C-alpha atoms as a PDB file:
ATOM      1  CA  MET A   1      66.142  37.534 -26.498  1.00  0.00           C
ATOM      2  CA  THR A   2      64.192  39.470 -29.211  1.00  0.00           C
ATOM      3  CA  ALA A   3      64.228  39.237 -32.421  1.00  0.00           C
ATOM      4  CA  LEU A   4      66.091  42.433 -33.614  1.00  0.00           C
ATOM      5  CA  THR A   5      68.562  41.589 -31.175  1.00  0.00           C
ATOM      6  CA  LEU A   6      68.514  37.853 -32.823  1.00  0.00           C
ATOM      7  CA  GLY A   7      69.136  39.613 -36.121  1.00  0.00           C
ATOM      8  CA  ILE A   8      71.789  42.106 -35.327  1.00  0.00           C
ATOM      9  CA  LEU A   9      74.179  39.032 -33.125  1.00  0.00           C
ATOM     10  CA  GLY A  10      73.340  37.116 -37.131  1.00  0.00           C
ATOM     11  CA  GLY A  11      74.773  39.873 -38.969  1.00  0.00           C
ATOM     12  CA  LEU A  12      77.260  40.899 -37.038  1.00  0.00           C
ATOM     13  CA  GLY A  13      78.514  36.722 -36.726  1.00  0.00           C
ATOM     14  CA  SER A  14      77.498  36.892 -41.019  1.00  0.00           C
ATOM     15  CA  ALA A  15      80.572  39.472 -41.034  1.00  0.00           C
ATOM     16  CA  PHE A  16      83.322  38.184 -38.827  1.00  0.00           C
ATOM     17  CA  THR A  17      82.854  34.763 -40.678  1.00  0.00           C
ATOM     18  CA  TRP A  18      83.073  36.218 -44.014  1.00  0.00           C
ATOM     19  CA  ALA A  19      86.190  38.116 -43.098  1.00  0.00           C
ATOM     20  CA  LEU A  20      87.881  34.928 -41.982  1.00  0.00           C
ATOM     21  CA  ILE A  21      86.670  32.639 -44.759  1.00  0.00           C
ATOM     22  CA  THR A  22      88.250  35.390 -47.294  1.00  0.00           C
ATOM     23  CA  THR A  23      91.275  35.766 -45.240  1.00  0.00           C
ATOM     24  CA  MET A  24      91.884  32.174 -45.189  1.00  0.00           C
ATOM     25  CA  SER A  25      91.415  31.349 -48.675  1.00  0.00           C
ATOM     26  CA  GLN A  26      93.794  34.223 -49.254  1.00  0.00           C
ATOM     27  CA  ARG A  27      96.392  31.850 -47.660  1.00  0.00           C
ATOM     28  CA  VAL A  28      95.400  29.101 -50.509  1.00  0.00           C
ATOM     29  CA  ALA A  29      95.023  31.602 -53.800  1.00  0.00           C
ATOM     30  CA  GLY A  30      98.283  30.199 -55.482  1.00  0.00           C
ATOM     31  CA  ARG A  31      96.726  26.788 -55.346  1.00  0.00           C
ATOM     32  CA  PHE A  32      92.963  27.354 -56.385  1.00  0.00           C
ATOM     33  CA  THR A  33      90.987  29.683 -58.736  1.00  0.00           C
ATOM     34  CA  PRO A  34      88.217  32.107 -57.180  1.00  0.00           C
ATOM     35  CA  ALA A  35      85.830  29.542 -59.062  1.00  0.00           C
ATOM     36  CA  GLY A  36      87.451  26.614 -57.351  1.00  0.00           C
ATOM     37  CA  ILE A  37      88.163  27.403 -53.691  1.00  0.00           C
ATOM     38  CA  ASN A  38      84.108  29.117 -53.782  1.00  0.00           C
ATOM     39  CA  ALA A  39      82.655  25.764 -55.457  1.00  0.00           C
ATOM     40  CA  PHE A  40      84.548  23.488 -52.641  1.00  0.00           C
ATOM     41  CA  ARG A  41      83.454  25.452 -49.332  1.00  0.00           C
ATOM     42  CA  ALA A  42      80.099  26.276 -50.790  1.00  0.00           C
ATOM     43  CA  LEU A  43      79.266  22.338 -51.656  1.00  0.00           C
ATOM     44  CA  VAL A  44      81.373  20.619 -48.717  1.00  0.00           C
ATOM     45  CA  GLY A  45      79.341  23.936 -46.464  1.00  0.00           C
ATOM     46  CA  GLY A  46      76.606  23.494 -47.834  1.00  0.00           C
ATOM     47  CA  LEU A  47      76.423  19.852 -47.609  1.00  0.00           C
ATOM     48  CA  ILE A  48      77.164  20.067 -43.763  1.00  0.00           C
ATOM     49  CA  VAL A  49      74.720  22.093 -43.185  1.00  0.00           C
ATOM     50  CA  LEU A  50      72.061  19.705 -45.260  1.00  0.00           C
ATOM     51  CA  VAL A  51      72.885  16.663 -43.411  1.00  0.00           C
ATOM     52  CA  GLY A  52      72.657  18.425 -40.181  1.00  0.00           C
ATOM     53  CA  THR A  53      68.949  19.763 -41.248  1.00  0.00           C
ATOM     54  CA  VAL A  54      67.912  16.790 -41.981  1.00  0.00           C
ATOM     55  CA  LEU A  55      69.541  15.161 -38.572  1.00  0.00           C
ATOM     56  CA  GLY A  56      67.770  17.887 -36.331  1.00  0.00           C
ATOM     57  CA  GLY A  57      64.400  16.632 -37.850  1.00  0.00           C
ATOM     58  CA  LEU A  58      63.878  19.813 -40.419  1.00  0.00           C
ATOM     59  CA  GLY A  59      63.522  17.465 -43.187  1.00  0.00           C
ATOM     60  CA  GLY A  60      59.973  17.837 -43.419  1.00  0.00           C
ATOM     61  CA  GLU A  61      59.819  22.138 -44.053  1.00  0.00           C
ATOM     62  CA  ILE A  62      62.617  21.210 -46.757  1.00  0.00           C
ATOM     63  CA  VAL A  63      59.903  18.686 -48.768  1.00  0.00           C
ATOM     64  CA  GLY A  64      57.059  21.058 -47.733  1.00  0.00           C
ATOM     65  CA  MET A  65      58.346  23.973 -48.934  1.00  0.00           C
ATOM     66  CA  PRO A  66      56.369  25.969 -51.840  1.00  0.00           C
ATOM     67  CA  LEU A  67      57.813  25.836 -55.257  1.00  0.00           C
ATOM     68  CA  TRP A  68      57.988  29.232 -55.788  1.00  0.00           C
ATOM     69  CA  ALA A  69      60.493  29.609 -52.325  1.00  0.00           C
ATOM     70  CA  ALA A  70      62.614  27.146 -53.511  1.00  0.00           C
ATOM     71  CA  GLY A  71      62.636  28.973 -57.050  1.00  0.00           C
ATOM     72  CA  MET A  72      63.652  32.284 -55.646  1.00  0.00           C
ATOM     73  CA  MET A  73      66.411  31.061 -53.211  1.00  0.00           C
ATOM     74  CA  TRP A  74      67.972  28.993 -55.646  1.00  0.00           C
ATOM     75  CA  VAL A  75      68.159  32.018 -58.543  1.00  0.00           C
ATOM     76  CA  SER A  76      69.646  33.876 -55.501  1.00  0.00           C
ATOM     77  CA  VAL A  77      72.143  31.612 -54.386  1.00  0.00           C
ATOM     78  CA  LEU A  78      73.074  31.199 -58.269  1.00  0.00           C
ATOM     79  CA  ILE A  79      73.469  35.475 -58.435  1.00  0.00           C
ATOM     80  CA  GLY A  80      75.175  36.000 -54.956  1.00  0.00           C
ATOM     81  CA  TYR A  81      76.719  32.700 -54.152  1.00  0.00           C
ATOM     82  CA  ALA A  82      77.722  31.536 -57.325  1.00  0.00           C
ATOM     83  CA  GLY A  83      78.290  34.678 -59.305  1.00  0.00           C
ATOM     84  CA  GLY A  84      78.997  37.484 -56.848  1.00  0.00           C
ATOM     85  CA  ASP A  85      81.490  35.861 -54.243  1.00  0.00           C
ATOM     86  CA  VAL A  86      83.267  34.109 -57.100  1.00  0.00           C
ATOM     87  CA  VAL A  87      83.811  37.846 -58.505  1.00  0.00           C
ATOM     88  CA  PHE A  88      84.737  38.906 -55.242  1.00  0.00           C
ATOM     89  CA  PHE A  89      87.343  36.631 -54.922  1.00  0.00           C
ATOM     90  CA  ALA A  90      88.950  37.406 -58.309  1.00  0.00           C
ATOM     91  CA  GLY A  91      89.064  41.495 -57.385  1.00  0.00           C
ATOM     92  CA  MET A  92      90.119  40.929 -54.244  1.00  0.00           C
ATOM     93  CA  GLN A  93      93.351  38.912 -55.433  1.00  0.00           C
ATOM     94  CA  ARG A  94      94.090  42.760 -57.682  1.00  0.00           C
ATOM     95  CA  LEU A  95      92.945  44.732 -54.842  1.00  0.00           C
ATOM     96  CA  GLY A  96      94.139  42.938 -51.075  1.00  0.00           C
ATOM     97  CA  VAL A  97      91.607  42.022 -48.423  1.00  0.00           C
ATOM     98  CA  THR A  98      90.706  44.839 -46.436  1.00  0.00           C
ATOM     99  CA  ARG A  99      90.793  47.190 -49.969  1.00  0.00           C
ATOM    100  CA  ALA A 100      88.388  44.885 -51.477  1.00  0.00           C
ATOM    101  CA  HIS A 101      86.108  43.882 -48.496  1.00  0.00           C
ATOM    102  CA  THR A 102      85.803  48.075 -47.725  1.00  0.00           C
ATOM    103  CA  LEU A 103      84.535  48.674 -51.435  1.00  0.00           C
ATOM    104  CA  SER A 104      82.402  45.994 -51.671  1.00  0.00           C
ATOM    105  CA  MET A 105      80.146  47.541 -48.910  1.00  0.00           C
ATOM    106  CA  ALA A 106      78.971  50.011 -51.625  1.00  0.00           C
ATOM    107  CA  HIS A 107      75.940  47.336 -52.019  1.00  0.00           C
ATOM    108  CA  PRO A 108      73.848  48.931 -48.582  1.00  0.00           C
ATOM    109  CA  LEU A 109      74.421  52.692 -50.564  1.00  0.00           C
ATOM    110  CA  MET A 110      73.131  50.651 -53.850  1.00  0.00           C
ATOM    111  CA  THR A 111      70.216  48.990 -52.035  1.00  0.00           C
ATOM    112  CA  THR A 112      69.311  52.368 -50.507  1.00  0.00           C
ATOM    113  CA  VAL A 113      69.227  54.579 -54.000  1.00  0.00           C
ATOM    114  CA  VAL A 114      67.243  51.401 -55.622  1.00  0.00           C
ATOM    115  CA  GLY A 115      65.011  51.641 -52.855  1.00  0.00           C
ATOM    116  CA  ALA A 116      64.449  55.288 -53.204  1.00  0.00           C
ATOM    117  CA  LEU A 117      63.739  55.476 -56.863  1.00  0.00           C
ATOM    118  CA  PHE A 118      61.788  52.294 -57.445  1.00  0.00           C
ATOM    119  CA  LEU A 119      60.219  51.477 -54.441  1.00  0.00           C
ATOM    120  CA  GLY A 120      59.458  54.841 -53.193  1.00  0.00           C
ATOM    121  CA  GLU A 121      61.315  54.302 -49.731  1.00  0.00           C
ATOM    122  CA  PRO A 122      62.185  57.980 -48.239  1.00  0.00           C
ATOM    123  CA  ILE A 123      65.985  59.739 -48.196  1.00  0.00           C
ATOM    124  CA  THR A 124      65.925  62.030 -44.742  1.00  0.00           C
ATOM    125  CA  PRO A 125      68.966  64.513 -44.443  1.00  0.00           C
ATOM    126  CA  LEU A 126      70.290  61.359 -42.207  1.00  0.00           C
ATOM    127  CA  ARG A 127      70.465  58.804 -44.630  1.00  0.00           C
ATOM    128  CA  LEU A 128      72.310  61.867 -47.116  1.00  0.00           C
ATOM    129  CA  VAL A 129      74.684  62.091 -44.753  1.00  0.00           C
ATOM    130  CA  GLY A 130      75.616  58.696 -44.416  1.00  0.00           C
ATOM    131  CA  ILE A 131      75.787  58.358 -48.456  1.00  0.00           C
ATOM    132  CA  GLY A 132      78.280  60.941 -48.066  1.00  0.00           C
ATOM    133  CA  PHE A 133      80.138  59.196 -45.465  1.00  0.00           C
ATOM    134  CA  VAL A 134      79.919  56.262 -47.533  1.00  0.00           C
ATOM    135  CA  LEU A 135      81.214  57.844 -51.336  1.00  0.00           C
ATOM    136  CA  GLY A 136      83.983  59.173 -49.107  1.00  0.00           C
ATOM    137  CA  GLY A 137      84.862  56.020 -47.120  1.00  0.00           C
ATOM    138  CA  ILE A 138      85.058  54.568 -50.606  1.00  0.00           C
ATOM    139  CA  SER A 139      87.344  56.894 -52.378  1.00  0.00           C
ATOM    140  CA  LEU A 140      89.933  56.908 -49.641  1.00  0.00           C
ATOM    141  CA  ILE A 141      89.926  53.111 -50.507  1.00  0.00           C
ATOM    142  CA  ILE A 142      90.243  53.035 -53.814  1.00  0.00           C
ATOM    143  CA  THR A 143      93.097  55.178 -53.690  1.00  0.00           C
ATOM    144  CA  GLY A 144      94.771  53.496 -50.090  1.00  0.00           C
ATOM    145  CA  ARG A 145      97.364  50.903 -50.565  1.00  0.00           C
ATOM    146  CA  GLY A 146      99.072  49.170 -47.533  1.00  0.00           C
ATOM    147  CA  ALA A 147     102.179  47.115 -47.650  1.00  0.00           C
ATOM    148  CA  GLY A 148     102.413  44.032 -49.582  1.00  0.00           C
ATOM    149  CA  SER A 149      99.195  45.720 -51.568  1.00  0.00           C
ATOM    150  CA  PRO A 150      99.286  44.946 -55.375  1.00  0.00           C
ATOM    151  CA  ASP A 151     100.603  47.737 -57.415  1.00  0.00           C
ATOM    152  CA  PRO A 152      97.635  50.498 -57.659  1.00  0.00           C
ATOM    153  CA  HIS A 153      98.557  50.478 -61.740  1.00  0.00           C
ATOM    154  CA  ASP A 154      98.968  46.456 -61.868  1.00  0.00           C
ATOM    155  CA  GLY A 155      95.077  45.460 -62.354  1.00  0.00           C
ATOM    156  CA  SER A 156      93.528  47.515 -59.760  1.00  0.00           C
ATOM    157  CA  ARG A 157      90.906  49.118 -62.152  1.00  0.00           C
ATOM    158  CA  ARG A 158      89.661  45.858 -63.134  1.00  0.00           C
ATOM    159  CA  GLY A 159      89.906  44.461 -59.247  1.00  0.00           C
ATOM    160  CA  VAL A 160      87.341  47.588 -58.599  1.00  0.00           C
ATOM    161  CA  ARG A 161      85.128  47.089 -61.323  1.00  0.00           C
ATOM    162  CA  LEU A 162      84.972  43.418 -60.219  1.00  0.00           C
ATOM    163  CA  ILE A 163      84.180  44.440 -56.701  1.00  0.00           C
ATOM    164  CA  LEU A 164      81.317  46.974 -57.661  1.00  0.00           C
ATOM    165  CA  LEU A 165      79.840  44.189 -59.550  1.00  0.00           C
ATOM    166  CA  ALA A 166      79.825  41.821 -57.224  1.00  0.00           C
ATOM    167  CA  ALA A 167      78.134  43.974 -54.783  1.00  0.00           C
ATOM    168  CA  VAL A 168      75.216  44.572 -57.417  1.00  0.00           C
ATOM    169  CA  ALA A 169      74.677  40.583 -57.052  1.00  0.00           C
ATOM    170  CA  TRP A 170      74.791  40.485 -53.316  1.00  0.00           C
ATOM    171  CA  MET A 171      72.334  43.389 -53.550  1.00  0.00           C
ATOM    172  CA  VAL A 172      69.942  41.574 -56.139  1.00  0.00           C
ATOM    173  CA  SER A 173      70.584  38.071 -54.062  1.00  0.00           C
ATOM    174  CA  ALA A 174      69.495  40.087 -50.515  1.00  0.00           C
ATOM    175  CA  VAL A 175      66.346  41.470 -52.101  1.00  0.00           C
ATOM    176  CA  LEU A 176      64.955  38.147 -53.725  1.00  0.00           C
ATOM    177  CA  MET A 177      65.354  36.487 -50.494  1.00  0.00           C
ATOM    178  CA  LYS A 178      63.029  38.651 -48.802  1.00  0.00           C
ATOM    179  CA  ALA A 179      59.949  36.889 -49.633  1.00  0.00           C
ATOM    180  CA  PRO A 180      61.234  33.537 -49.115  1.00  0.00           C
ATOM    181  CA  LEU A 181      62.169  34.137 -45.907  1.00  0.00           C
ATOM    182  CA  GLN A 182      58.758  34.441 -44.534  1.00  0.00           C
ATOM    183  CA  VAL A 183      57.863  30.782 -44.956  1.00  0.00           C
ATOM    184  CA  VAL A 184      61.317  29.020 -44.208  1.00  0.00           C
ATOM    185  CA  SER A 185      63.399  29.269 -41.152  1.00  0.00           C
ATOM    186  CA  PRO A 186      67.146  30.733 -41.702  1.00  0.00           C
ATOM    187  CA  LEU A 187      68.630  26.794 -41.554  1.00  0.00           C
ATOM    188  CA  VAL A 188      66.305  25.366 -43.977  1.00  0.00           C
ATOM    189  CA  ALA A 189      67.069  28.198 -46.350  1.00  0.00           C
ATOM    190  CA  THR A 190      71.160  27.566 -46.443  1.00  0.00           C
ATOM    191  CA  ALA A 191      70.333  23.723 -46.703  1.00  0.00           C
ATOM    192  CA  ILE A 192      68.657  24.687 -49.852  1.00  0.00           C
ATOM    193  CA  ARG A 193      70.746  27.284 -51.104  1.00  0.00           C
ATOM    194  CA  SER A 194      74.333  26.226 -50.434  1.00  0.00           C
ATOM    195  CA  PRO A 195      74.707  22.890 -52.134  1.00  0.00           C
ATOM    196  CA  VAL A 196      72.885  24.201 -55.010  1.00  0.00           C
ATOM    197  CA  ALA A 197      75.675  26.804 -55.141  1.00  0.00           C
ATOM    198  CA  GLY A 198      78.234  24.258 -54.779  1.00  0.00           C
ATOM    199  CA  LEU A 199      77.068  22.146 -57.457  1.00  0.00           C
ATOM    200  CA  ALA A 200      76.502  24.623 -60.079  1.00  0.00           C
ATOM    201  CA  LEU A 201      80.216  25.952 -59.457  1.00  0.00           C
ATOM    202  CA  TRP A 202      81.377  22.370 -59.627  1.00  0.00           C
ATOM    203  CA  VAL A 203      80.411  21.849 -63.051  1.00  0.00           C
ATOM    204  CA  THR A 204      81.868  25.048 -64.413  1.00  0.00           C
ATOM    205  CA  PRO A 205      85.146  25.020 -66.375  1.00  0.00           C
ATOM    206  CA  TRP A 206      86.620  27.612 -64.017  1.00  0.00           C
ATOM    207  CA  ALA A 207      86.153  25.130 -61.333  1.00  0.00           C
ATOM    208  CA  ARG A 208      88.541  22.220 -63.316  1.00  0.00           C
ATOM    209  CA  GLY A 209      91.407  20.616 -61.590  1.00  0.00           C
ATOM    210  CA  THR A 210      89.499  21.549 -57.906  1.00  0.00           C
ATOM    211  CA  TRP A 211      89.645  18.270 -56.605  1.00  0.00           C
ATOM    212  CA  GLY A 212      92.769  17.636 -57.464  1.00  0.00           C
ATOM    213  CA  ALA A 213      94.771  20.366 -55.825  1.00  0.00           C
ATOM    214  CA  VAL A 214      92.518  19.527 -52.768  1.00  0.00           C
ATOM    215  CA  LYS A 215      93.781  15.893 -52.926  1.00  0.00           C
ATOM    216  CA  GLN A 216      97.519  17.001 -52.689  1.00  0.00           C
ATOM    217  CA  SER A 217      96.940  19.224 -50.232  1.00  0.00           C
ATOM    218  CA  ARG A 218      98.775  18.852 -47.137  1.00  0.00           C
ATOM    219  CA  GLY A 219      99.752  20.305 -43.456  1.00  0.00           C
ATOM    220  CA  GLN A 220      98.599  23.785 -42.915  1.00  0.00           C
ATOM    221  CA  GLU A 221      97.123  24.342 -46.313  1.00  0.00           C
ATOM    222  CA  ALA A 222      94.280  21.412 -45.266  1.00  0.00           C
ATOM    223  CA  TRP A 223      93.946  22.744 -42.178  1.00  0.00           C
ATOM    224  CA  LEU A 224      93.213  25.739 -43.596  1.00  0.00           C
ATOM    225  CA  LEU A 225      90.327  24.197 -46.318  1.00  0.00           C
ATOM    226  CA  ALA A 226      88.637  22.518 -43.513  1.00  0.00           C
ATOM    227  CA  GLY A 227      88.557  25.778 -41.375  1.00  0.00           C
ATOM    228  CA  ILE A 228      87.163  27.279 -44.408  1.00  0.00           C
ATOM    229  CA  CYS A 229      84.462  24.628 -45.036  1.00  0.00           C
ATOM    230  CA  LEU A 230      83.278  24.612 -41.408  1.00  0.00           C
ATOM    231  CA  LEU A 231      82.798  28.718 -41.807  1.00  0.00           C
ATOM    232  CA  SER A 232      81.430  28.618 -45.078  1.00  0.00           C
ATOM    233  CA  ALA A 233      78.475  26.276 -43.299  1.00  0.00           C
ATOM    234  CA  LEU A 234      78.149  28.530 -40.615  1.00  0.00           C
ATOM    235  CA  SER A 235      78.666  32.172 -42.416  1.00  0.00           C
ATOM    236  CA  PRO A 236      75.238  31.246 -44.272  1.00  0.00           C
ATOM    237  CA  VAL A 237      73.250  30.901 -41.715  1.00  0.00           C
ATOM    238  CA  LEU A 238      74.235  33.524 -39.667  1.00  0.00           C
ATOM    239  CA  PHE A 239      73.450  35.966 -43.039  1.00  0.00           C
ATOM    240  CA  VAL A 240      70.124  34.582 -43.237  1.00  0.00           C
ATOM    241  CA  THR A 241      69.270  34.738 -39.542  1.00  0.00           C
ATOM    242  CA  GLY A 242      70.127  38.618 -39.893  1.00  0.00           C
ATOM    243  CA  LEU A 243      68.153  39.197 -43.040  1.00  0.00           C
ATOM    244  CA  LYS A 244      65.256  37.237 -41.469  1.00  0.00           C
ATOM    245  CA  TYR A 245      65.102  38.564 -37.915  1.00  0.00           C
ATOM    246  CA  GLY A 246      66.816  41.733 -38.465  1.00  0.00           C
ATOM    247  CA  GLY A 247      65.396  42.817 -41.759  1.00  0.00           C
ATOM    248  CA  VAL A 248      66.726  43.270 -45.177  1.00  0.00           C
ATOM    249  CA  ALA A 249      68.360  46.770 -44.631  1.00  0.00           C
ATOM    250  CA  ILE A 250      69.778  45.816 -40.747  1.00  0.00           C
ATOM    251  CA  GLY A 251      70.689  42.418 -42.327  1.00  0.00           C
ATOM    252  CA  THR A 252      72.784  43.833 -45.109  1.00  0.00           C
ATOM    253  CA  VAL A 253      74.165  46.333 -43.343  1.00  0.00           C
ATOM    254  CA  LEU A 254      75.344  44.806 -40.487  1.00  0.00           C
ATOM    255  CA  SER A 255      76.697  41.754 -42.796  1.00  0.00           C
ATOM    256  CA  THR A 256      78.728  44.429 -44.689  1.00  0.00           C
ATOM    257  CA  THR A 257      80.978  45.700 -41.556  1.00  0.00           C
ATOM    258  CA  SER A 258      83.349  42.608 -41.815  1.00  0.00           C
ATOM    259  CA  PRO A 259      86.209  44.987 -42.898  1.00  0.00           C
ATOM    260  CA  LEU A 260      86.613  46.228 -39.335  1.00  0.00           C
ATOM    261  CA  PHE A 261      87.383  42.616 -38.463  1.00  0.00           C
ATOM    262  CA  THR A 262      89.787  42.097 -41.781  1.00  0.00           C
ATOM    263  CA  ILE A 263      92.070  44.730 -40.780  1.00  0.00           C
ATOM    264  CA  PRO A 264      93.368  43.201 -37.867  1.00  0.00           C
ATOM    265  CA  LEU A 265      93.053  39.474 -39.311  1.00  0.00           C
ATOM    266  CA  GLU A 266      95.272  41.007 -42.511  1.00  0.00           C
ATOM    267  CA  ILE A 267      97.608  42.559 -40.067  1.00  0.00           C
ATOM    268  CA  PHE A 268      98.120  39.038 -38.003  1.00  0.00           C
ATOM    269  CA  LEU A 269      97.301  36.378 -40.338  1.00  0.00           C
ATOM    270  CA  LEU A 270      98.768  37.809 -43.490  1.00  0.00           C
ATOM    271  CA  LYS A 271     101.428  39.812 -42.112  1.00  0.00           C
ATOM    272  CA  GLN A 272     100.504  42.750 -44.321  1.00  0.00           C
ATOM    273  CA  ARG A 273      99.595  46.225 -43.165  1.00  0.00           C
ATOM    274  CA  PRO A 274      96.891  48.623 -44.640  1.00  0.00           C
ATOM    275  CA  SER A 275      97.654  52.142 -44.941  1.00  0.00           C
ATOM    276  CA  ARG A 276      96.138  54.743 -42.656  1.00  0.00           C
ATOM    277  CA  ARG A 277      94.084  55.561 -45.699  1.00  0.00           C
ATOM    278  CA  THR A 278      92.405  52.386 -46.592  1.00  0.00           C
ATOM    279  CA  VAL A 279      91.573  52.029 -41.964  1.00  0.00           C
ATOM    280  CA  ALA A 280      90.122  55.320 -42.081  1.00  0.00           C
ATOM    281  CA  GLY A 281      88.059  54.434 -45.563  1.00  0.00           C
ATOM    282  CA  ALA A 282      87.032  51.469 -43.937  1.00  0.00           C
ATOM    283  CA  VAL A 283      86.049  53.546 -40.447  1.00  0.00           C
ATOM    284  CA  THR A 284      84.064  56.203 -42.735  1.00  0.00           C
ATOM    285  CA  THR A 285      82.407  53.449 -44.623  1.00  0.00           C
ATOM    286  CA  VAL A 286      81.121  51.724 -41.843  1.00  0.00           C
ATOM    287  CA  VAL A 287      79.823  55.298 -40.427  1.00  0.00           C
ATOM    288  CA  GLY A 288      78.027  55.980 -43.305  1.00  0.00           C
ATOM    289  CA  ILE A 289      75.920  52.821 -43.915  1.00  0.00           C
ATOM    290  CA  ALA A 290      75.064  52.906 -39.564  1.00  0.00           C
ATOM    291  CA  LEU A 291      73.308  56.202 -40.590  1.00  0.00           C
ATOM    292  CA  MET A 292      71.555  55.143 -43.842  1.00  0.00           C
ATOM    293  CA  SER A 293      70.115  52.666 -41.938  1.00  0.00           C
END
């Protein structure tokens, strides 16, 4: 298997697991705050990866990691994981799963524009066409509404602002990870990043009461929490694998294809049917991002 193939599989796997995490999180949203569910899944999932990394004999790589690499990864995770994910969950509660996921795909567009303006990366005619597709798809998502979705006039504008803010945070986080991934493996990078995000969120006032809610969980809700934590251990490993072996551009692009997975998940798990406009927007946006890459 080539490095590029591994990067592609990592990016797509990250998109699929992220779609599962957010869909399952929507099922327990009534008991947990966005910061609370994010703190719990990041801490437990991160500890699973950390323990597995040490037992797998990679503890020496953690200890020997350059201080600058660890620092950049911690800043990256605080911006993207502890910041961006929490804002995303808050926006998702206002917009619904599929609309929020597709709107969040604005961050590859932001990365392309930043690269052209500040890093001297070329804007080819094909990329211009891709940008047009992305903008058109996002406009469809913003105006689309499915059965069971929140009223477009009730918090919708705030939801859009939150999702776009999350996209900015993810863009900055991905760029900051580029240099550290040259010196550490994806598994070690995740073992360093995720527990820090969980601890940072756990001590905030927004996560207060989360442990009490966890202890009160029973039945299906408890199983959903367990699944979310296990997927939260796997998803960041796949994301970092996509970045390391596929590159920041390809890894980021593929990790944002989650709307293609959330559409069937939303239908079968949440019993909500996205509108045709929303589905068309998701497909259009994915095509545009593919052209941009």
